[in-house]
Amino acid sequence: MNAISPGEKLALNANLVLRVRYAPVKQPFVQPQTPASTTLAAAKALALTHFGLTEGAVDGGTKTYEISVDETVQTNLSLTLGELATHGRQIELLLIEQFQQG
């Protein structure tokens, strides 16, 4: 019998608690009934909307936002929250603002 990692076990469950922190805002975005099949791209979009943020050209540069999970910036936004959750039925993401001039 093959062992199932914590992320795989959670992916089989319907929902988890999504919490997204964004440093300039004291209160995190919390969505208690988030499907474990939600991708990081979709979670990022939810957080951007909640915090009233947009990516793109601004003030002579470009503003983008990255997602960090357990202090690791995620580049594969097609991963699901269920695959990344390591703390039971919840996951905490950090939204990081990046500004590039030029």
PDB file of N, CA and C in Angstrom:
ATOM      1  N   MET A   1       0.831  -1.179   0.000  1.00  0.00           N
ATOM      2  CA  MET A   1       0.000   0.000   0.000  1.00  0.00           C
ATOM      3  C   MET A   1       0.875   1.242   0.000  1.00  0.00           C
ATOM      4  N   ASN A   2       0.621   2.191  -0.912  1.00  0.00           N
ATOM      5  CA  ASN A   2       1.414   3.404  -1.012  1.00  0.00           C
ATOM      6  C   ASN A   2       0.960   4.433   0.011  1.00  0.00           C
ATOM      7  N   ALA A   3       1.924   5.109   0.610  1.00  0.00           N
ATOM      8  CA  ALA A   3       1.593   6.188   1.555  1.00  0.00           C
ATOM      9  C   ALA A   3       1.125   7.403   0.772  1.00  0.00           C
ATOM     10  N   ILE A   4       0.193   8.144   1.354  1.00  0.00           N
ATOM     11  CA  ILE A   4      -0.317   9.363   0.736  1.00  0.00           C
ATOM     12  C   ILE A   4       0.204  10.536   1.545  1.00  0.00           C
ATOM     13  N   SER A   5       0.796  11.520   0.849  1.00  0.00           N
ATOM     14  CA  SER A   5       1.329  12.687   1.542  1.00  0.00           C
ATOM     15  C   SER A   5       0.184  13.531   2.099  1.00  0.00           C
ATOM     16  N   PRO A   6       0.455  14.397   3.092  1.00  0.00           N
ATOM     17  CA  PRO A   6      -0.600  15.241   3.654  1.00  0.00           C
ATOM     18  C   PRO A   6      -1.317  16.073   2.588  1.00  0.00           C
ATOM     19  N   GLY A   7      -0.585  16.581   1.609  1.00  0.00           N
ATOM     20  CA  GLY A   7      -1.199  17.360   0.544  1.00  0.00           C
ATOM     21  C   GLY A   7      -2.154  16.534  -0.294  1.00  0.00           C
ATOM     22  N   GLU A   8      -1.769  15.299  -0.589  1.00  0.00           N
ATOM     23  CA  GLU A   8      -2.647  14.426  -1.375  1.00  0.00           C
ATOM     24  C   GLU A   8      -3.900  14.064  -0.595  1.00  0.00           C
ATOM     25  N   LYS A   9      -3.775  13.832   0.707  1.00  0.00           N
ATOM     26  CA  LYS A   9      -4.950  13.534   1.516  1.00  0.00           C
ATOM     27  C   LYS A   9      -5.923  14.702   1.492  1.00  0.00           C
ATOM     28  N   LEU A  10      -5.389  15.921   1.619  1.00  0.00           N
ATOM     29  CA  LEU A  10      -6.235  17.101   1.633  1.00  0.00           C
ATOM     30  C   LEU A  10      -6.885  17.315   0.281  1.00  0.00           C
ATOM     31  N   ALA A  11      -6.189  16.995  -0.798  1.00  0.00           N
ATOM     32  CA  ALA A  11      -6.749  17.189  -2.133  1.00  0.00           C
ATOM     33  C   ALA A  11      -8.010  16.353  -2.323  1.00  0.00           C
ATOM     34  N   LEU A  12      -8.123  15.250  -1.587  1.00  0.00           N
ATOM     35  CA  LEU A  12      -9.302  14.406  -1.693  1.00  0.00           C
ATOM     36  C   LEU A  12     -10.498  15.002  -0.948  1.00  0.00           C
ATOM     37  N   ASN A  13     -10.235  15.875   0.005  1.00  0.00           N
ATOM     38  CA  ASN A  13     -11.297  16.511   0.784  1.00  0.00           C
ATOM     39  C   ASN A  13     -11.870  17.701   0.018  1.00  0.00           C
ATOM     40  N   ALA A  14     -13.092  18.075   0.333  1.00  0.00           N
ATOM     41  CA  ALA A  14     -13.791  19.110  -0.422  1.00  0.00           C
ATOM     42  C   ALA A  14     -13.269  20.520  -0.192  1.00  0.00           C
ATOM     43  N   ASN A  15     -13.099  20.936   1.056  1.00  0.00           N
ATOM     44  CA  ASN A  15     -12.790  22.335   1.338  1.00  0.00           C
ATOM     45  C   ASN A  15     -11.684  22.504   2.366  1.00  0.00           C
ATOM     46  N   LEU A  16     -11.094  23.688   2.365  1.00  0.00           N
ATOM     47  CA  LEU A  16     -10.124  24.062   3.373  1.00  0.00           C
ATOM     48  C   LEU A  16     -10.262  25.555   3.656  1.00  0.00           C
ATOM     49  N   VAL A  17      -9.577  26.010   4.678  1.00  0.00           N
ATOM     50  CA  VAL A  17      -9.583  27.431   5.032  1.00  0.00           C
ATOM     51  C   VAL A  17      -8.397  28.093   4.335  1.00  0.00           C
ATOM     52  N   LEU A  18      -8.688  29.093   3.513  1.00  0.00           N
ATOM     53  CA  LEU A  18      -7.655  29.858   2.818  1.00  0.00           C
ATOM     54  C   LEU A  18      -7.452  31.164   3.569  1.00  0.00           C
ATOM     55  N   ARG A  19      -6.197  31.443   3.914  1.00  0.00           N
ATOM     56  CA  ARG A  19      -5.841  32.698   4.578  1.00  0.00           C
ATOM     57  C   ARG A  19      -4.694  33.314   3.786  1.00  0.00           C
ATOM     58  N   VAL A  20      -4.888  34.576   3.361  1.00  0.00           N
ATOM     59  CA  VAL A  20      -3.847  35.272   2.597  1.00  0.00           C
ATOM     60  C   VAL A  20      -3.464  36.539   3.343  1.00  0.00           C
ATOM     61  N   ARG A  21      -2.186  36.663   3.649  1.00  0.00           N
ATOM     62  CA  ARG A  21      -1.673  37.870   4.298  1.00  0.00           C
ATOM     63  C   ARG A  21      -1.038  38.772   3.244  1.00  0.00           C
ATOM     64  N   TYR A  22      -1.215  40.075   3.441  1.00  0.00           N
ATOM     65  CA  TYR A  22      -0.607  41.099   2.586  1.00  0.00           C
ATOM     66  C   TYR A  22      -0.086  42.159   3.547  1.00  0.00           C
ATOM     67  N   ALA A  23       1.230  42.340   3.615  1.00  0.00           N
ATOM     68  CA  ALA A  23       1.883  43.132   4.663  1.00  0.00           C
ATOM     69  C   ALA A  23       1.260  44.506   4.928  1.00  0.00           C
ATOM     70  N   PRO A  24       0.887  45.299   3.911  1.00  0.00           N
ATOM     71  CA  PRO A  24       0.335  46.620   4.205  1.00  0.00           C
ATOM     72  C   PRO A  24      -1.050  46.607   4.872  1.00  0.00           C
ATOM     73  N   VAL A  25      -1.706  45.452   4.912  1.00  0.00           N
ATOM     74  CA  VAL A  25      -3.051  45.360   5.474  1.00  0.00           C
ATOM     75  C   VAL A  25      -2.999  44.486   6.726  1.00  0.00           C
ATOM     76  N   LYS A  26      -3.530  44.999   7.820  1.00  0.00           N
ATOM     77  CA  LYS A  26      -3.459  44.287   9.100  1.00  0.00           C
ATOM     78  C   LYS A  26      -4.243  42.975   9.086  1.00  0.00           C
ATOM     79  N   GLN A  27      -5.476  43.013   8.591  1.00  0.00           N
ATOM     80  CA  GLN A  27      -6.339  41.821   8.579  1.00  0.00           C
ATOM     81  C   GLN A  27      -6.090  40.973   7.336  1.00  0.00           C
ATOM     82  N   PRO A  28      -5.859  39.673   7.494  1.00  0.00           N
ATOM     83  CA  PRO A  28      -5.692  38.817   6.314  1.00  0.00           C
ATOM     84  C   PRO A  28      -7.034  38.578   5.619  1.00  0.00           C
ATOM     85  N   PHE A  29      -6.961  38.174   4.381  1.00  0.00           N
ATOM     86  CA  PHE A  29      -8.134  37.712   3.641  1.00  0.00           C
ATOM     87  C   PHE A  29      -8.359  36.267   4.068  1.00  0.00           C
ATOM     88  N   VAL A  30      -9.567  35.954   4.504  1.00  0.00           N
ATOM     89  CA  VAL A  30      -9.882  34.592   4.940  1.00  0.00           C
ATOM     90  C   VAL A  30     -11.133  34.126   4.209  1.00  0.00           C
ATOM     91  N   GLN A  31     -11.015  32.968   3.595  1.00  0.00           N
ATOM     92  CA  GLN A  31     -12.160  32.338   2.929  1.00  0.00           C
ATOM     93  C   GLN A  31     -12.261  30.918   3.480  1.00  0.00           C
ATOM     94  N   PRO A  32     -13.248  30.671   4.367  1.00  0.00           N
ATOM     95  CA  PRO A  32     -13.298  29.400   5.090  1.00  0.00           C
ATOM     96  C   PRO A  32     -13.711  28.177   4.282  1.00  0.00           C
ATOM     97  N   GLN A  33     -14.387  28.322   3.186  1.00  0.00           N
ATOM     98  CA  GLN A  33     -14.854  27.166   2.412  1.00  0.00           C
ATOM     99  C   GLN A  33     -14.259  27.188   1.004  1.00  0.00           C
ATOM    100  N   THR A  34     -12.943  27.057   0.902  1.00  0.00           N
ATOM    101  CA  THR A  34     -12.252  27.090  -0.381  1.00  0.00           C
ATOM    102  C   THR A  34     -11.998  25.661  -0.849  1.00  0.00           C
ATOM    103  N   PRO A  35     -12.426  25.325  -2.069  1.00  0.00           N
ATOM    104  CA  PRO A  35     -12.151  23.974  -2.574  1.00  0.00           C
ATOM    105  C   PRO A  35     -10.648  23.695  -2.612  1.00  0.00           C
ATOM    106  N   ALA A  36     -10.256  22.520  -2.173  1.00  0.00           N
ATOM    107  CA  ALA A  36      -8.848  22.125  -2.189  1.00  0.00           C
ATOM    108  C   ALA A  36      -8.306  22.077  -3.618  1.00  0.00           C
ATOM    109  N   SER A  37      -9.194  22.000  -4.599  1.00  0.00           N
ATOM    110  CA  SER A  37      -8.776  21.958  -6.009  1.00  0.00           C
ATOM    111  C   SER A  37      -8.492  23.343  -6.582  1.00  0.00           C
ATOM    112  N   THR A  38      -8.666  24.400  -5.786  1.00  0.00           N
ATOM    113  CA  THR A  38      -8.388  25.767  -6.234  1.00  0.00           C
ATOM    114  C   THR A  38      -6.901  25.913  -6.531  1.00  0.00           C
ATOM    115  N   THR A  39      -6.572  26.473  -7.688  1.00  0.00           N
ATOM    116  CA  THR A  39      -5.166  26.673  -8.045  1.00  0.00           C
ATOM    117  C   THR A  39      -4.614  27.914  -7.353  1.00  0.00           C
ATOM    118  N   LEU A  40      -3.287  27.992  -7.296  1.00  0.00           N
ATOM    119  CA  LEU A  40      -2.660  29.193  -6.751  1.00  0.00           C
ATOM    120  C   LEU A  40      -3.026  30.414  -7.580  1.00  0.00           C
ATOM    121  N   ALA A  41      -3.155  30.248  -8.890  1.00  0.00           N
ATOM    122  CA  ALA A  41      -3.541  31.374  -9.751  1.00  0.00           C
ATOM    123  C   ALA A  41      -4.915  31.904  -9.357  1.00  0.00           C
ATOM    124  N   ALA A  42      -5.854  31.017  -9.096  1.00  0.00           N
ATOM    125  CA  ALA A  42      -7.201  31.429  -8.700  1.00  0.00           C
ATOM    126  C   ALA A  42      -7.185  32.056  -7.310  1.00  0.00           C
ATOM    127  N   ALA A  43      -6.406  31.496  -6.384  1.00  0.00           N
ATOM    128  CA  ALA A  43      -6.301  32.059  -5.033  1.00  0.00           C
ATOM    129  C   ALA A  43      -5.675  33.452  -5.086  1.00  0.00           C
ATOM    130  N   LYS A  44      -4.684  33.613  -5.939  1.00  0.00           N
ATOM    131  CA  LYS A  44      -4.036  34.917  -6.105  1.00  0.00           C
ATOM    132  C   LYS A  44      -5.049  35.933  -6.628  1.00  0.00           C
ATOM    133  N   ALA A  45      -5.839  35.545  -7.612  1.00  0.00           N
ATOM    134  CA  ALA A  45      -6.860  36.437  -8.164  1.00  0.00           C
ATOM    135  C   ALA A  45      -7.877  36.846  -7.104  1.00  0.00           C
ATOM    136  N   LEU A  46      -8.302  35.895  -6.271  1.00  0.00           N
ATOM    137  CA  LEU A  46      -9.224  36.203  -5.171  1.00  0.00           C
ATOM    138  C   LEU A  46      -8.613  37.229  -4.219  1.00  0.00           C
ATOM    139  N   ALA A  47      -7.347  37.029  -3.865  1.00  0.00           N
ATOM    140  CA  ALA A  47      -6.673  37.924  -2.933  1.00  0.00           C
ATOM    141  C   ALA A  47      -6.492  39.316  -3.538  1.00  0.00           C
ATOM    142  N   LEU A  48      -6.083  39.382  -4.791  1.00  0.00           N
ATOM    143  CA  LEU A  48      -5.916  40.681  -5.446  1.00  0.00           C
ATOM    144  C   LEU A  48      -7.229  41.458  -5.442  1.00  0.00           C
ATOM    145  N   THR A  49      -8.312  40.773  -5.761  1.00  0.00           N
ATOM    146  CA  THR A  49      -9.630  41.410  -5.760  1.00  0.00           C
ATOM    147  C   THR A  49      -9.996  41.877  -4.358  1.00  0.00           C
ATOM    148  N   HIS A  50      -9.800  41.012  -3.378  1.00  0.00           N
ATOM    149  CA  HIS A  50     -10.142  41.360  -1.994  1.00  0.00           C
ATOM    150  C   HIS A  50      -9.385  42.603  -1.526  1.00  0.00           C
ATOM    151  N   PHE A  51      -8.091  42.682  -1.828  1.00  0.00           N
ATOM    152  CA  PHE A  51      -7.272  43.803  -1.373  1.00  0.00           C
ATOM    153  C   PHE A  51      -7.333  45.003  -2.316  1.00  0.00           C
ATOM    154  N   GLY A  52      -8.077  44.878  -3.426  1.00  0.00           N
ATOM    155  CA  GLY A  52      -8.218  45.981  -4.376  1.00  0.00           C
ATOM    156  C   GLY A  52      -6.944  46.279  -5.144  1.00  0.00           C
ATOM    157  N   LEU A  53      -6.196  45.238  -5.493  1.00  0.00           N
ATOM    158  CA  LEU A  53      -4.908  45.380  -6.165  1.00  0.00           C
ATOM    159  C   LEU A  53      -4.997  44.931  -7.615  1.00  0.00           C
ATOM    160  N   THR A  54      -4.155  45.534  -8.454  1.00  0.00           N
ATOM    161  CA  THR A  54      -4.051  45.099  -9.845  1.00  0.00           C
ATOM    162  C   THR A  54      -2.582  45.032 -10.232  1.00  0.00           C
ATOM    163  N   GLU A  55      -2.300  44.147 -11.170  1.00  0.00           N
ATOM    164  CA  GLU A  55      -0.946  44.023 -11.699  1.00  0.00           C
ATOM    165  C   GLU A  55      -0.860  44.796 -13.006  1.00  0.00           C
ATOM    166  N   GLY A  56       0.353  45.245 -13.338  1.00  0.00           N
ATOM    167  CA  GLY A  56       0.545  45.919 -14.613  1.00  0.00           C
ATOM    168  C   GLY A  56       1.345  47.200 -14.467  1.00  0.00           C
ATOM    169  N   ALA A  57       1.319  48.000 -15.539  1.00  0.00           N
ATOM    170  CA  ALA A  57       2.088  49.237 -15.596  1.00  0.00           C
ATOM    171  C   ALA A  57       1.557  50.255 -14.591  1.00  0.00           C
ATOM    172  N   VAL A  58       2.516  50.866 -13.866  1.00  0.00           N
ATOM    173  CA  VAL A  58       2.158  51.905 -12.899  1.00  0.00           C
ATOM    174  C   VAL A  58       3.399  52.765 -12.611  1.00  0.00           C
ATOM    175  N   ASP A  59       3.238  54.067 -12.624  1.00  0.00           N
ATOM    176  CA  ASP A  59       4.301  55.008 -12.248  1.00  0.00           C
ATOM    177  C   ASP A  59       5.657  54.700 -12.885  1.00  0.00           C
ATOM    178  N   GLY A  60       5.694  54.485 -14.184  1.00  0.00           N
ATOM    179  CA  GLY A  60       6.952  54.249 -14.878  1.00  0.00           C
ATOM    180  C   GLY A  60       7.563  52.881 -14.657  1.00  0.00           C
ATOM    181  N   GLY A  61       6.788  51.949 -14.211  1.00  0.00           N
ATOM    182  CA  GLY A  61       7.288  50.601 -13.980  1.00  0.00           C
ATOM    183  C   GLY A  61       6.167  49.591 -14.075  1.00  0.00           C
ATOM    184  N   THR A  62       6.436  48.408 -13.566  1.00  0.00           N
ATOM    185  CA  THR A  62       5.450  47.337 -13.587  1.00  0.00           C
ATOM    186  C   THR A  62       5.312  46.762 -12.181  1.00  0.00           C
ATOM    187  N   LYS A  63       4.065  46.635 -11.730  1.00  0.00           N
ATOM    188  CA  LYS A  63       3.786  46.066 -10.417  1.00  0.00           C
ATOM    189  C   LYS A  63       3.220  44.660 -10.616  1.00  0.00           C
ATOM    190  N   THR A  64       3.810  43.700  -9.921  1.00  0.00           N
ATOM    191  CA  THR A  64       3.326  42.327  -9.942  1.00  0.00           C
ATOM    192  C   THR A  64       3.260  41.828  -8.497  1.00  0.00           C
ATOM    193  N   TYR A  65       2.583  40.716  -8.319  1.00  0.00           N
ATOM    194  CA  TYR A  65       2.446  40.114  -6.995  1.00  0.00           C
ATOM    195  C   TYR A  65       2.808  38.644  -7.085  1.00  0.00           C
ATOM    196  N   GLU A  66       3.575  38.192  -6.111  1.00  0.00           N
ATOM    197  CA  GLU A  66       3.953  36.788  -6.024  1.00  0.00           C
ATOM    198  C   GLU A  66       3.253  36.165  -4.826  1.00  0.00           C
ATOM    199  N   ILE A  67       3.151  34.843  -4.856  1.00  0.00           N
ATOM    200  CA  ILE A  67       2.549  34.091  -3.762  1.00  0.00           C
ATOM    201  C   ILE A  67       3.644  33.254  -3.099  1.00  0.00           C
ATOM    202  N   SER A  68       3.698  33.337  -1.780  1.00  0.00           N
ATOM    203  CA  SER A  68       4.642  32.542  -1.009  1.00  0.00           C
ATOM    204  C   SER A  68       3.869  31.580  -0.107  1.00  0.00           C
ATOM    205  N   VAL A  69       4.344  30.350  -0.046  1.00  0.00           N
ATOM    206  CA  VAL A  69       3.779  29.333   0.840  1.00  0.00           C
ATOM    207  C   VAL A  69       4.919  28.822   1.708  1.00  0.00           C
ATOM    208  N   ASP A  70       4.765  28.909   3.013  1.00  0.00           N
ATOM    209  CA  ASP A  70       5.812  28.472   3.942  1.00  0.00           C
ATOM    210  C   ASP A  70       7.172  29.077   3.585  1.00  0.00           C
ATOM    211  N   GLU A  71       7.182  30.380   3.324  1.00  0.00           N
ATOM    212  CA  GLU A  71       8.386  31.159   3.037  1.00  0.00           C
ATOM    213  C   GLU A  71       9.074  30.786   1.723  1.00  0.00           C
ATOM    214  N   THR A  72       8.349  30.120   0.821  1.00  0.00           N
ATOM    215  CA  THR A  72       8.883  29.776  -0.489  1.00  0.00           C
ATOM    216  C   THR A  72       7.992  30.386  -1.564  1.00  0.00           C
ATOM    217  N   VAL A  73       8.587  31.245  -2.403  1.00  0.00           N
ATOM    218  CA  VAL A  73       7.821  31.849  -3.491  1.00  0.00           C
ATOM    219  C   VAL A  73       7.477  30.763  -4.505  1.00  0.00           C
ATOM    220  N   GLN A  74       6.215  30.708  -4.864  1.00  0.00           N
ATOM    221  CA  GLN A  74       5.727  29.695  -5.792  1.00  0.00           C
ATOM    222  C   GLN A  74       5.714  30.253  -7.210  1.00  0.00           C
ATOM    223  N   THR A  75       6.340  29.541  -8.128  1.00  0.00           N
ATOM    224  CA  THR A  75       6.353  29.962  -9.525  1.00  0.00           C
ATOM    225  C   THR A  75       5.358  29.169 -10.358  1.00  0.00           C
ATOM    226  N   ASN A  76       4.949  28.008  -9.867  1.00  0.00           N
ATOM    227  CA  ASN A  76       3.984  27.172 -10.576  1.00  0.00           C
ATOM    228  C   ASN A  76       2.591  27.449 -10.012  1.00  0.00           C
ATOM    229  N   LEU A  77       1.886  28.395 -10.626  1.00  0.00           N
ATOM    230  CA  LEU A  77       0.576  28.795 -10.118  1.00  0.00           C
ATOM    231  C   LEU A  77      -0.532  27.819 -10.498  1.00  0.00           C
ATOM    232  N   SER A  78      -0.178  26.723 -11.162  1.00  0.00           N
ATOM    233  CA  SER A  78      -1.186  25.705 -11.474  1.00  0.00           C
ATOM    234  C   SER A  78      -1.310  24.672 -10.353  1.00  0.00           C
ATOM    235  N   LEU A  79      -0.425  24.741  -9.357  1.00  0.00           N
ATOM    236  CA  LEU A  79      -0.543  23.853  -8.202  1.00  0.00           C
ATOM    237  C   LEU A  79      -1.827  24.176  -7.445  1.00  0.00           C
ATOM    238  N   THR A  80      -2.431  23.144  -6.848  1.00  0.00           N
ATOM    239  CA  THR A  80      -3.664  23.375  -6.092  1.00  0.00           C
ATOM    240  C   THR A  80      -3.343  23.617  -4.618  1.00  0.00           C
ATOM    241  N   LEU A  81      -4.277  24.254  -3.940  1.00  0.00           N
ATOM    242  CA  LEU A  81      -4.113  24.499  -2.516  1.00  0.00           C
ATOM    243  C   LEU A  81      -4.012  23.185  -1.751  1.00  0.00           C
ATOM    244  N   GLY A  82      -4.762  22.191  -2.194  1.00  0.00           N
ATOM    245  CA  GLY A  82      -4.711  20.880  -1.558  1.00  0.00           C
ATOM    246  C   GLY A  82      -3.348  20.230  -1.660  1.00  0.00           C
ATOM    247  N   GLU A  83      -2.658  20.455  -2.768  1.00  0.00           N
ATOM    248  CA  GLU A  83      -1.314  19.897  -2.941  1.00  0.00           C
ATOM    249  C   GLU A  83      -0.303  20.569  -2.022  1.00  0.00           C
ATOM    250  N   LEU A  84      -0.538  21.832  -1.673  1.00  0.00           N
ATOM    251  CA  LEU A  84       0.419  22.614  -0.905  1.00  0.00           C
ATOM    252  C   LEU A  84       0.126  22.689   0.585  1.00  0.00           C
ATOM    253  N   ALA A  85      -1.098  22.391   0.974  1.00  0.00           N
ATOM    254  CA  ALA A  85      -1.476  22.518   2.388  1.00  0.00           C
ATOM    255  C   ALA A  85      -0.698  21.516   3.237  1.00  0.00           C
ATOM    256  N   THR A  86      -0.016  22.030   4.251  1.00  0.00           N
ATOM    257  CA  THR A  86       0.757  21.169   5.141  1.00  0.00           C
ATOM    258  C   THR A  86       0.258  21.272   6.572  1.00  0.00           C
ATOM    259  N   HIS A  87      -0.729  22.112   6.813  1.00  0.00           N
ATOM    260  CA  HIS A  87      -1.233  22.348   8.170  1.00  0.00           C
ATOM    261  C   HIS A  87      -2.681  21.894   8.286  1.00  0.00           C
ATOM    262  N   GLY A  88      -2.952  20.658   7.932  1.00  0.00           N
ATOM    263  CA  GLY A  88      -4.300  20.120   8.035  1.00  0.00           C
ATOM    264  C   GLY A  88      -5.237  20.691   6.992  1.00  0.00           C
ATOM    265  N   ARG A  89      -6.368  21.212   7.448  1.00  0.00           N
ATOM    266  CA  ARG A  89      -7.393  21.686   6.530  1.00  0.00           C
ATOM    267  C   ARG A  89      -7.334  23.191   6.310  1.00  0.00           C
ATOM    268  N   GLN A  90      -6.131  23.765   6.399  1.00  0.00           N
ATOM    269  CA  GLN A  90      -5.978  25.188   6.144  1.00  0.00           C
ATOM    270  C   GLN A  90      -4.656  25.453   5.443  1.00  0.00           C
ATOM    271  N   ILE A  91      -4.594  26.597   4.756  1.00  0.00           N
ATOM    272  CA  ILE A  91      -3.359  27.008   4.103  1.00  0.00           C
ATOM    273  C   ILE A  91      -3.229  28.515   4.242  1.00  0.00           C
ATOM    274  N   GLU A  92      -2.019  28.955   4.508  1.00  0.00           N
ATOM    275  CA  GLU A  92      -1.749  30.385   4.612  1.00  0.00           C
ATOM    276  C   GLU A  92      -0.776  30.781   3.517  1.00  0.00           C
ATOM    277  N   LEU A  93      -1.167  31.797   2.751  1.00  0.00           N
ATOM    278  CA  LEU A  93      -0.348  32.325   1.681  1.00  0.00           C
ATOM    279  C   LEU A  93       0.079  33.738   2.042  1.00  0.00           C
ATOM    280  N   LEU A  94       1.202  34.158   1.485  1.00  0.00           N
ATOM    281  CA  LEU A  94       1.674  35.527   1.639  1.00  0.00           C
ATOM    282  C   LEU A  94       1.705  36.153   0.257  1.00  0.00           C
ATOM    283  N   LEU A  95       1.047  37.285   0.102  1.00  0.00           N
ATOM    284  CA  LEU A  95       1.033  38.027  -1.147  1.00  0.00           C
ATOM    285  C   LEU A  95       2.157  39.052  -1.085  1.00  0.00           C
ATOM    286  N   ILE A  96       3.095  38.979  -2.020  1.00  0.00           N
ATOM    287  CA  ILE A  96       4.288  39.829  -2.009  1.00  0.00           C
ATOM    288  C   ILE A  96       4.258  40.757  -3.218  1.00  0.00           C
ATOM    289  N   GLU A  97       4.336  42.066  -2.945  1.00  0.00           N
ATOM    290  CA  GLU A  97       4.313  43.074  -4.002  1.00  0.00           C
ATOM    291  C   GLU A  97       5.729  43.260  -4.567  1.00  0.00           C
ATOM    292  N   GLN A  98       5.806  43.278  -5.899  1.00  0.00           N
ATOM    293  CA  GLN A  98       7.074  43.498  -6.596  1.00  0.00           C
ATOM    294  C   GLN A  98       6.898  44.699  -7.530  1.00  0.00           C
ATOM    295  N   PHE A  99       7.899  45.578  -7.579  1.00  0.00           N
ATOM    296  CA  PHE A  99       7.851  46.719  -8.489  1.00  0.00           C
ATOM    297  C   PHE A  99       9.145  46.750  -9.274  1.00  0.00           C
ATOM    298  N   GLN A 100       9.027  46.759 -10.602  1.00  0.00           N
ATOM    299  CA  GLN A 100      10.204  46.838 -11.465  1.00  0.00           C
ATOM    300  C   GLN A 100      10.139  48.137 -12.259  1.00  0.00           C
ATOM    301  N   GLN A 101      11.183  48.949 -12.147  1.00  0.00           N
ATOM    302  CA  GLN A 101      11.215  50.193 -12.911  1.00  0.00           C
ATOM    303  C   GLN A 101      11.636  49.922 -14.350  1.00  0.00           C
ATOM    304  N   GLY A 102      11.138  50.812 -15.216  1.00  0.00           N
ATOM    305  CA  GLY A 102      11.579  50.720 -16.610  1.00  0.00           C
ATOM    306  C   GLY A 102      10.567  50.322 -17.540  1.00  0.00           C
TER     307      GLY A 102
END
